[in-house]
Amino acid sequence: MKFDAQIEPASLGEVPLIAAGAERIGFDALWSSETQHDPFLPLALVAEHTRRLQFGTAVAIGFARSPATLAYTAWDLAEASEGRFILGLGTQVKPHIQRRFGMPWPESPVGKLRELITAVRAFWEAWQSGERLNFRGEYYKLTLMSPFFNPGPIDHPQIPVYVAGVNTGLCRLAGELADGFHSHPYHSARYLREVVRPAIAEGANAAGRPAEAIRLSTTAFAVTDPQEAEFVRGQIAFYASTPSYRGVMELHGWGETADQLQGLARRGEWAAMGERITQEMLEAFAVVCRPEELGSALLERYQGLVDRLALYLPYLPGQRDPVWSRLVRSIQDES
């Protein structure tokens, strides 16, 4: 099991120290997300200031971009890093695509993401092989690639693509055509085992692919003190209030709580939401233990279940470096 780190939303000036520190600590990969900043810009700096570390997006919002812009950016990052870049794509939810990005929401999100990934790979194939670009689908028609706009072949053209999501449709899509699946931090071990893994396998089997070839990556909530518990309850409640994520709570028999949280969110009663997350729910969705037990507790829950693991808490250089180093060693030594 690989143990990775996340970049906290930070200015570009902070990224070189974060990247160098993450490599020094011994993390296997460093992931950037699309929240308060562009997810790709920090990764050019990660490529420049590291030599071993893999890195990628977890995630970039696919529906906010065209296949061409994604293809060019990924191609450049793969070349700059000598093949260490991983392209992680997510759909986001309808209100964010329409009201935050100003883009249309597709009738079939899974179908559009499938076509988006296939279209991106069509660019890569055309650039690497020199063959004509000729992609025709429901959402994209891509037939123009004159030499002036062709970046040409690179040494590491096999760029891994990860799909991110919560529900089974995107899990099956990952099994069908992706290299990995980023499972949402809002999950339980039971949800990964009973819902995510079988859906990935279903997609892989339908496409004639081995299910074990698709890497399962996730981010874990960890609670080692009361302050962390309050924060994590709030995060679980926030994610559980998303209507399309209701199935996660419902699997455990907590669908009614999810409905209540949706109502609180609609009314803007954010402060009251964390109180609805019971201790049983907290322990289902987060690793709860003493600080010195965190490594063993993470291994107990995730070893053999996921291929890549990171903590929801981002890595910041100079803050708890000895703790991070011990945690990385304890997990990597036992994996």
Protein backbone atom coordinates (compact mmCIF):
# COMPACT_ATOMS: atom_id res chain seq x y z
CA MET A 1 0.00 0.00 0.00
CA LYS A 2 1.40 3.38 -1.09
CA PHE A 3 1.18 6.23 1.43
CA ASP A 4 0.64 9.63 -0.14
CA ALA A 5 0.20 13.26 0.93
CA GLN A 6 -2.06 16.12 -0.04
CA ILE A 7 -1.17 19.72 -0.80
CA GLU A 8 -3.13 22.11 1.37
CA PRO A 9 -4.69 24.98 -0.60
CA ALA A 10 -1.62 27.20 -0.73
CA SER A 11 0.02 29.93 -2.78
CA LEU A 12 2.35 28.84 -5.55
CA GLY A 13 5.25 30.33 -3.61
CA GLU A 14 4.74 27.73 -0.87
CA VAL A 15 4.65 24.71 -3.17
CA PRO A 16 8.42 24.16 -3.64
CA LEU A 17 8.92 23.73 0.13
CA ILE A 18 5.90 21.45 0.37
CA ALA A 19 7.13 19.30 -2.52
CA ALA A 20 10.71 19.03 -1.29
CA GLY A 21 9.52 18.26 2.24
CA ALA A 22 7.11 15.57 1.07
CA GLU A 23 9.87 13.84 -0.88
CA ARG A 24 12.25 14.09 2.08
CA ILE A 25 9.64 12.62 4.46
CA GLY A 26 9.26 9.66 2.11
CA PHE A 27 5.70 9.94 0.81
CA ASP A 28 5.03 8.00 -2.37
CA ALA A 29 2.97 10.70 -4.11
CA LEU A 30 1.68 14.23 -3.66
CA TRP A 31 -1.84 15.18 -4.75
CA SER A 32 -3.37 18.58 -5.49
CA SER A 33 -7.09 19.29 -5.54
CA GLU A 34 -9.40 21.78 -7.22
CA THR A 35 -10.83 23.81 -4.34
CA GLN A 36 -9.40 27.31 -3.86
CA HIS A 37 -6.70 27.16 -6.57
CA ASP A 38 -6.01 25.65 -9.98
CA PRO A 39 -4.99 22.00 -9.45
CA PHE A 40 -2.37 21.88 -12.21
CA LEU A 41 -0.19 24.94 -11.62
CA PRO A 42 1.31 23.64 -8.34
CA LEU A 43 2.30 20.40 -10.05
CA ALA A 44 4.71 22.09 -12.43
CA LEU A 45 6.58 23.21 -9.32
CA VAL A 46 6.36 19.74 -7.79
CA ALA A 47 7.96 18.34 -10.96
CA GLU A 48 10.76 20.90 -10.76
CA HIS A 49 11.55 20.48 -7.06
CA THR A 50 11.41 16.67 -6.72
CA ARG A 51 13.13 13.74 -8.38
CA ARG A 52 11.35 10.60 -7.12
CA LEU A 53 7.88 11.66 -5.97
CA GLN A 54 4.85 10.81 -8.07
CA PHE A 55 2.20 13.51 -8.19
CA GLY A 56 -1.21 14.17 -9.64
CA THR A 57 -4.62 15.75 -9.39
CA ALA A 58 -7.10 14.45 -6.86
CA VAL A 59 -8.93 15.82 -8.53
CA ALA A 60 -9.25 18.21 -11.47
CA ILE A 61 -12.82 18.86 -12.56
CA GLY A 62 -13.18 17.34 -16.00
CA PHE A 63 -16.42 19.08 -16.95
CA ALA A 64 -14.81 22.49 -16.38
CA ARG A 65 -12.30 21.85 -19.19
CA SER A 66 -12.07 20.72 -22.79
CA PRO A 67 -10.29 17.52 -23.81
CA ALA A 68 -7.62 19.60 -25.54
CA THR A 69 -6.70 21.68 -22.49
CA LEU A 70 -6.51 18.56 -20.33
CA ALA A 71 -4.42 16.72 -22.92
CA TYR A 72 -1.88 19.52 -23.35
CA THR A 73 -1.47 20.12 -19.60
CA ALA A 74 -1.05 16.44 -18.77
CA TRP A 75 1.38 15.92 -21.67
CA ASP A 76 3.61 18.77 -20.47
CA LEU A 77 3.59 17.60 -16.84
CA ALA A 78 4.39 14.03 -17.85
CA GLU A 79 7.31 15.20 -19.95
CA ALA A 80 8.65 17.60 -17.29
CA SER A 81 8.55 14.91 -14.60
CA GLU A 82 9.80 11.99 -16.69
CA GLY A 83 6.54 10.12 -16.29
CA ARG A 84 5.65 10.80 -12.65
CA PHE A 85 2.35 12.59 -13.31
CA ILE A 86 -1.11 11.02 -12.75
CA LEU A 87 -4.22 12.68 -14.20
CA GLY A 88 -7.11 12.38 -11.76
CA LEU A 89 -10.50 13.57 -13.05
CA GLY A 90 -13.83 14.11 -11.32
CA THR A 91 -17.25 15.28 -12.44
CA GLN A 92 -18.21 17.45 -9.42
CA VAL A 93 -21.94 17.82 -8.76
CA LYS A 94 -24.46 19.66 -10.92
CA PRO A 95 -24.78 22.95 -8.92
CA HIS A 96 -21.01 23.51 -8.96
CA ILE A 97 -20.66 22.81 -12.67
CA GLN A 98 -23.51 25.14 -13.56
CA ARG A 99 -23.17 27.87 -10.92
CA ARG A 100 -19.45 27.87 -10.05
CA PHE A 101 -17.88 26.98 -13.41
CA GLY A 102 -20.68 28.26 -15.67
CA MET A 103 -20.65 25.08 -17.73
CA PRO A 104 -23.49 22.81 -18.87
CA TRP A 105 -24.37 19.69 -16.91
CA PRO A 106 -24.60 16.65 -19.20
CA GLU A 107 -27.60 14.38 -19.39
CA SER A 108 -25.26 11.45 -18.70
CA PRO A 109 -22.32 12.47 -16.46
CA VAL A 110 -20.78 9.01 -16.66
CA GLY A 111 -21.15 8.96 -20.43
CA LYS A 112 -19.58 12.38 -20.85
CA LEU A 113 -16.64 11.54 -18.56
CA ARG A 114 -16.09 8.31 -20.52
CA GLU A 115 -15.98 10.31 -23.74
CA LEU A 116 -13.78 13.02 -22.21
CA ILE A 117 -11.14 10.48 -21.14
CA THR A 118 -11.25 8.73 -24.50
CA ALA A 119 -10.90 12.07 -26.29
CA VAL A 120 -7.89 13.09 -24.17
CA ARG A 121 -6.24 9.79 -25.02
CA ALA A 122 -6.99 10.39 -28.71
CA PHE A 123 -4.88 13.56 -28.54
CA TRP A 124 -2.05 11.70 -26.82
CA GLU A 125 -2.12 8.92 -29.41
CA ALA A 126 -2.06 11.40 -32.29
CA TRP A 127 0.89 13.29 -30.80
CA GLN A 128 2.88 10.16 -30.00
CA SER A 129 2.22 8.23 -33.20
CA GLY A 130 1.93 11.06 -35.70
CA GLU A 131 -1.39 9.66 -36.92
CA ARG A 132 -4.33 11.89 -37.76
CA LEU A 133 -6.56 13.11 -34.93
CA ASN A 134 -10.01 11.74 -35.64
CA PHE A 135 -12.31 11.48 -32.63
CA ARG A 136 -16.07 11.66 -33.07
CA GLY A 137 -18.46 11.25 -30.17
CA GLU A 138 -21.71 12.59 -28.77
CA TYR A 139 -20.08 15.49 -26.92
CA TYR A 140 -16.83 16.07 -28.83
CA LYS A 141 -15.76 16.08 -32.46
CA LEU A 142 -11.98 16.46 -32.74
CA THR A 143 -10.44 16.30 -36.21
CA LEU A 144 -7.99 19.20 -36.47
CA MET A 145 -4.33 18.85 -35.41
CA SER A 146 -1.96 20.66 -37.73
CA PRO A 147 1.81 20.40 -37.09
CA PHE A 148 1.92 23.92 -35.65
CA PHE A 149 -0.26 22.79 -32.70
CA ASN A 150 1.22 19.31 -32.24
CA PRO A 151 3.74 19.07 -29.36
CA GLY A 152 5.10 15.79 -30.71
CA PRO A 153 6.09 12.57 -28.93
CA ILE A 154 7.52 12.33 -25.42
CA ASP A 155 9.51 9.67 -23.58
CA HIS A 156 6.72 8.75 -21.15
CA PRO A 157 3.43 8.87 -23.07
CA GLN A 158 1.55 6.32 -20.94
CA ILE A 159 -0.06 8.78 -18.53
CA PRO A 160 -2.20 7.08 -15.85
CA VAL A 161 -5.76 8.34 -15.61
CA TYR A 162 -7.73 8.03 -12.39
CA VAL A 163 -11.48 8.58 -12.09
CA ALA A 164 -12.91 9.99 -8.85
CA GLY A 165 -16.34 9.50 -7.40
CA VAL A 166 -18.68 8.11 -4.80
CA ASN A 167 -21.40 6.16 -6.57
CA THR A 168 -21.29 2.94 -8.56
CA GLY A 169 -21.56 4.46 -12.04
CA LEU A 170 -18.17 6.14 -11.80
CA CYS A 171 -16.70 3.07 -10.07
CA ARG A 172 -17.76 0.95 -13.03
CA LEU A 173 -16.34 3.53 -15.43
CA ALA A 174 -12.97 3.32 -13.65
CA GLY A 175 -13.02 -0.44 -14.06
CA GLU A 176 -13.94 -0.07 -17.71
CA LEU A 177 -11.21 2.28 -18.89
CA ALA A 178 -9.19 4.01 -16.14
CA ASP A 179 -5.94 3.11 -14.41
CA GLY A 180 -7.23 3.94 -10.95
CA PHE A 181 -10.15 5.16 -8.87
CA HIS A 182 -10.00 7.96 -6.29
CA SER A 183 -12.61 7.02 -3.70
CA HIS A 184 -14.03 10.01 -1.85
CA PRO A 185 -12.81 10.61 1.74
CA TYR A 186 -16.45 10.27 2.75
CA HIS A 187 -16.51 6.48 2.89
CA SER A 188 -16.42 3.57 5.28
CA ALA A 189 -14.37 0.41 4.96
CA ARG A 190 -17.66 -1.43 4.47
CA TYR A 191 -18.62 0.92 1.61
CA LEU A 192 -15.27 0.34 -0.10
CA ARG A 193 -15.56 -3.41 0.33
CA GLU A 194 -19.25 -3.92 -0.49
CA VAL A 195 -19.91 -1.16 -3.04
CA VAL A 196 -16.77 0.38 -4.55
CA ARG A 197 -14.63 -2.71 -5.14
CA PRO A 198 -17.47 -4.83 -6.65
CA ALA A 199 -18.53 -1.99 -8.98
CA ILE A 200 -14.94 -1.50 -10.21
CA ALA A 201 -14.73 -5.25 -10.83
CA GLU A 202 -18.03 -5.19 -12.70
CA GLY A 203 -16.78 -2.49 -15.04
CA ALA A 204 -13.46 -4.24 -15.55
CA ASN A 205 -15.09 -7.60 -16.30
CA ALA A 206 -17.44 -6.02 -18.82
CA ALA A 207 -14.45 -4.50 -20.62
CA GLY A 208 -12.39 -7.70 -20.45
CA ARG A 209 -9.85 -6.18 -18.07
CA PRO A 210 -8.43 -7.65 -14.84
CA ALA A 211 -9.99 -5.84 -11.88
CA GLU A 212 -6.71 -5.94 -9.96
CA ALA A 213 -5.14 -3.70 -12.62
CA ILE A 214 -7.21 -0.73 -11.40
CA ARG A 215 -5.56 0.98 -8.44
CA LEU A 216 -7.91 2.01 -5.62
CA SER A 217 -6.83 5.23 -3.92
CA THR A 218 -8.53 6.99 -1.03
CA THR A 219 -8.12 9.61 1.66
CA ALA A 220 -8.81 8.79 5.29
CA PHE A 221 -10.27 10.88 8.06
CA ALA A 222 -8.23 10.40 11.25
CA VAL A 223 -9.23 11.41 14.78
CA THR A 224 -6.58 11.37 17.48
CA ASP A 225 -7.88 14.10 19.82
CA PRO A 226 -11.17 15.89 20.67
CA GLN A 227 -10.39 18.89 18.47
CA GLU A 228 -9.92 16.64 15.45
CA ALA A 229 -13.15 14.84 16.32
CA GLU A 230 -15.16 18.08 16.14
CA PHE A 231 -13.62 19.00 12.78
CA VAL A 232 -14.13 15.54 11.26
CA ARG A 233 -17.76 15.36 12.43
CA GLY A 234 -18.36 18.61 10.59
CA GLN A 235 -16.70 17.33 7.41
CA ILE A 236 -18.62 14.06 7.47
CA ALA A 237 -21.87 15.97 7.98
CA PHE A 238 -21.05 18.34 5.12
CA TYR A 239 -20.41 15.50 2.67
CA ALA A 240 -23.36 13.45 3.95
CA SER A 241 -25.68 16.38 3.18
CA THR A 242 -24.99 15.97 -0.56
CA PRO A 243 -28.12 14.31 -2.01
CA SER A 244 -26.22 12.20 -4.54
CA TYR A 245 -24.03 10.76 -1.74
CA ARG A 246 -26.99 9.45 0.29
CA GLY A 247 -26.16 5.83 -0.50
CA VAL A 248 -23.08 5.90 1.73
CA MET A 249 -25.15 6.59 4.86
CA GLU A 250 -27.99 4.40 3.64
CA LEU A 251 -25.70 1.35 3.46
CA HIS A 252 -25.32 1.60 7.25
CA GLY A 253 -29.01 2.27 7.91
CA TRP A 254 -28.51 6.03 8.42
CA GLY A 255 -30.45 7.31 5.43
CA GLU A 256 -32.78 9.32 7.67
CA THR A 257 -29.80 11.19 9.13
CA ALA A 258 -28.62 12.01 5.61
CA ASP A 259 -32.07 13.46 4.87
CA GLN A 260 -31.92 15.59 8.03
CA LEU A 261 -28.48 16.87 7.08
CA GLN A 262 -29.72 17.82 3.62
CA GLY A 263 -32.44 19.89 5.25
CA LEU A 264 -29.99 21.64 7.58
CA ALA A 265 -27.69 22.42 4.64
CA ARG A 266 -30.55 23.89 2.59
CA ARG A 267 -31.35 26.19 5.52
CA GLY A 268 -27.70 27.13 5.99
CA GLU A 269 -27.57 25.68 9.50
CA TRP A 270 -23.98 24.48 9.07
CA ALA A 271 -22.98 24.74 12.74
CA ALA A 272 -25.67 22.28 13.82
CA MET A 273 -24.81 19.60 11.31
CA GLY A 274 -21.80 18.05 13.05
CA GLU A 275 -23.92 17.30 16.11
CA ARG A 276 -25.93 14.79 14.05
CA ILE A 277 -22.85 12.60 13.55
CA THR A 278 -22.90 10.05 16.37
CA GLN A 279 -19.84 8.29 17.78
CA GLU A 280 -20.82 5.16 15.84
CA MET A 281 -20.93 7.16 12.61
CA LEU A 282 -17.63 8.85 13.40
CA GLU A 283 -15.91 5.50 13.93
CA ALA A 284 -17.41 4.14 10.69
CA PHE A 285 -16.15 7.02 8.56
CA ALA A 286 -12.92 7.90 10.40
CA VAL A 287 -10.03 6.08 12.02
CA VAL A 288 -10.37 6.94 15.73
CA CYS A 289 -7.37 6.11 17.90
CA ARG A 290 -4.59 7.48 20.09
CA PRO A 291 -1.87 9.37 18.20
CA GLU A 292 0.75 6.67 18.69
CA GLU A 293 -1.64 4.03 17.28
CA LEU A 294 -2.46 5.81 14.03
CA GLY A 295 -0.11 3.83 11.78
CA SER A 296 -1.34 0.46 13.00
CA ALA A 297 -4.97 1.61 12.94
CA LEU A 298 -4.68 2.75 9.32
CA LEU A 299 -3.09 -0.54 8.35
CA GLU A 300 -5.76 -2.53 10.14
CA ARG A 301 -8.52 -0.75 8.24
CA TYR A 302 -6.99 -0.28 4.80
CA GLN A 303 -4.25 -2.82 4.12
CA GLY A 304 -5.45 -5.23 1.46
CA LEU A 305 -8.44 -2.97 0.74
CA VAL A 306 -6.81 0.01 -1.03
CA ASP A 307 -3.63 0.44 -3.05
CA ARG A 308 -2.96 4.10 -2.20
CA LEU A 309 -3.81 5.94 1.00
CA ALA A 310 -3.47 9.54 2.18
CA LEU A 311 -4.76 11.40 5.21
CA TYR A 312 -7.40 14.11 4.88
CA LEU A 313 -4.99 16.27 6.88
CA PRO A 314 -2.62 17.86 4.32
CA TYR A 315 1.15 17.82 4.70
CA LEU A 316 2.78 21.11 5.73
CA PRO A 317 6.60 21.20 5.89
CA GLY A 318 8.05 21.89 9.30
CA GLN A 319 4.82 21.02 11.10
CA ARG A 320 4.95 17.61 12.77
CA ASP A 321 7.68 16.37 10.40
CA PRO A 322 8.94 13.73 12.91
CA VAL A 323 5.36 12.48 13.35
CA TRP A 324 4.85 12.28 9.58
CA SER A 325 8.19 10.48 9.15
CA ARG A 326 7.30 7.83 11.74
CA LEU A 327 3.85 7.37 10.22
CA VAL A 328 5.24 6.97 6.69
CA ARG A 329 7.84 4.45 7.87
CA SER A 330 5.37 2.43 9.94
CA ILE A 331 2.97 2.07 7.01
CA GLN A 332 5.56 1.44 4.31
CA ASP A 333 7.46 -1.08 6.43
CA GLU A 334 4.32 -3.14 7.02
CA SER A 335 2.82 -2.84 3.53
